[in-house]
Every structure is written in C-alpha cells, then in structure tokens.
Protein backbone atom coordinates (compact mmCIF):
# COMPACT_ATOMS: atom_id res chain seq x y z
CA MET A 1 61.53 -15.43 56.80
CA PRO A 2 63.86 -17.66 55.39
CA LYS A 3 65.64 -15.83 51.35
CA PRO A 4 63.76 -17.01 48.87
CA TYR A 5 64.95 -20.36 46.94
CA CYS A 6 66.51 -21.61 50.35
CA ILE A 7 64.90 -24.07 52.40
CA GLY A 8 62.23 -23.29 54.47
CA SER A 9 61.08 -20.50 52.18
CA ASP A 10 57.74 -20.60 50.49
CA GLU A 11 59.00 -19.62 47.22
CA TRP A 12 61.10 -22.73 45.17
CA ASN A 13 61.71 -24.04 48.80
CA GLY A 14 64.90 -25.88 48.31
CA LEU A 15 65.59 -24.27 45.09
CA SER A 16 69.47 -22.94 45.80
CA LYS A 17 70.01 -26.20 47.29
CA LEU A 18 69.09 -28.54 44.37
CA ILE A 19 71.28 -26.23 42.19
CA GLU A 20 74.77 -26.86 44.37
CA GLU A 21 74.07 -30.49 44.98
CA LEU A 22 73.64 -30.52 40.97
CA GLY A 23 77.16 -28.50 40.74
CA GLU A 24 78.74 -31.06 42.93
CA LEU A 25 78.27 -33.83 40.96
CA GLN A 26 79.28 -31.76 38.19
CA GLN A 27 82.17 -31.05 39.73
CA VAL A 28 83.12 -34.97 40.36
CA CYS A 29 81.99 -36.19 37.45
CA GLY A 30 84.52 -33.53 35.51
CA LYS A 31 87.27 -35.04 37.57
CA LEU A 32 85.98 -38.55 36.80
CA ILE A 33 86.24 -37.32 32.63
CA GLY A 34 89.77 -35.78 33.37
CA SER A 35 91.33 -38.36 35.12
CA GLU A 36 89.67 -40.65 32.37
CA GLY A 37 87.94 -43.23 34.81
CA SER A 38 90.49 -43.00 37.26
CA GLU A 39 89.07 -43.31 40.67
CA ASP A 40 92.51 -41.48 42.63
CA HIS A 41 92.44 -38.48 42.39
CA TRP A 42 94.44 -36.11 44.84
CA SER A 43 91.14 -34.90 46.17
CA GLY A 44 90.15 -38.27 47.30
CA LYS A 45 88.29 -41.54 45.97
CA LEU A 46 86.01 -40.48 42.83
CA ARG A 47 84.04 -43.27 42.79
CA GLU A 48 83.12 -42.63 46.88
CA LYS A 49 83.13 -39.69 46.09
CA PHE A 50 80.81 -39.81 42.66
CA ILE A 51 78.21 -42.00 45.23
CA GLU A 52 78.10 -39.18 48.16
CA GLU A 53 77.06 -36.62 45.47
CA ILE A 54 74.21 -38.75 43.25
CA GLY A 55 73.04 -39.22 47.15
CA ASP A 56 73.07 -35.73 47.26
CA VAL A 57 71.14 -34.67 44.59
CA GLN A 58 68.81 -37.48 44.63
CA ALA A 59 67.92 -36.21 48.04
CA SER A 60 67.79 -32.52 47.16
CA ILE A 61 65.65 -33.60 44.23
CA ASN A 62 62.85 -35.78 45.88
CA PHE A 63 62.83 -32.85 48.55
CA PHE A 64 62.22 -29.86 45.86
CA VAL A 65 59.73 -32.48 44.29
CA ASP A 66 58.19 -32.94 47.33
CA MET A 67 57.85 -29.25 48.88
CA ASN A 68 56.61 -27.25 45.63
CA LEU A 69 54.77 -29.61 43.22
CA THR A 70 51.57 -31.01 42.83
CA ASN A 71 50.67 -34.96 42.93
CA LYS A 72 49.79 -34.32 39.14
CA ASP A 73 52.93 -32.68 38.84
CA LYS A 74 54.83 -35.59 40.56
CA ASN A 75 52.94 -38.34 38.36
CA ARG A 76 54.22 -36.13 35.05
CA ILE A 77 57.94 -36.66 35.76
CA ALA A 78 57.56 -40.54 36.88
CA ARG A 79 56.02 -40.98 33.31
CA GLN A 80 58.82 -38.39 32.20
CA CYS A 81 61.66 -40.59 33.61
CA ALA A 82 60.22 -43.86 32.70
CA GLU A 83 60.32 -42.71 28.97
CA LYS A 84 63.77 -40.69 28.77
CA TYR A 85 64.94 -43.91 30.85
CA THR A 86 63.55 -46.44 28.49
CA ARG A 87 65.35 -43.91 25.61
CA PHE A 88 68.62 -44.44 27.24
CA LYS A 89 68.49 -48.14 27.46
CA LYS A 90 67.47 -48.14 23.59
CA TRP A 91 70.45 -45.66 22.35
CA ASP A 92 72.75 -48.05 25.20
CA LYS A 93 71.62 -51.24 23.10
CA GLU A 94 71.68 -49.59 19.71
CA VAL A 95 75.21 -48.60 20.16
CA ARG A 96 76.56 -52.07 22.19
CA ASP A 97 74.94 -54.14 18.86
CA ALA A 98 76.79 -52.11 16.40
CA GLU A 99 79.93 -52.20 18.73
CA ALA A 100 79.74 -56.07 18.09
CA ARG A 101 79.89 -56.38 15.00
C-alpha cells in the first residue's frame, strides 16, 4: 500500500504531489521576480518553464480534487474560485484606473 498522501493512497491521495508541484511553480516565480521579469535565465527559458509548471499545478489540483473531494466540495470550490476571480478583476481595474489618472 502506498504511503499516506502519495498517489495511490487512501489517505489524501496525491497531496504530496500537489505540494511538490506548487513548490516547483514557486521556484519559477521566484526566478521571474529575481530576473525582474526577464525570461532569459541560466536554468532555461522562464516563460516556457512557467507554462509547464502551471500545467503541472492544474493537473495536480484536478487529480487531488477528483480523488478526495465530494461533488458538494467541488461545487463550493467552483463558487469560491468564481468569487475570487471576480475580486481579482475588480482590484486590477481599480489599480489601472488609478494609474490612468
């Protein structure tokens, strides 16, 4: 039997993979910030790595949710995601409007 939190486990299946993928995305984000947004980095093209890691994070979230949460939980997540996205768009507009003044 797989260890708890690993893929294949009955206990929070895939949590360790989700954490791993989030960490890899954070690493690329740190490199982007450290290079002041430049995509060129000694470790490779950061835009390509960023896209790759975003895909890996989305896959690990989808896997984790499908393996561990109920339809009711999934509906709550969808509502929360929509609400937060709307809030982010509002904040973005406020910042851009303030900058335009």
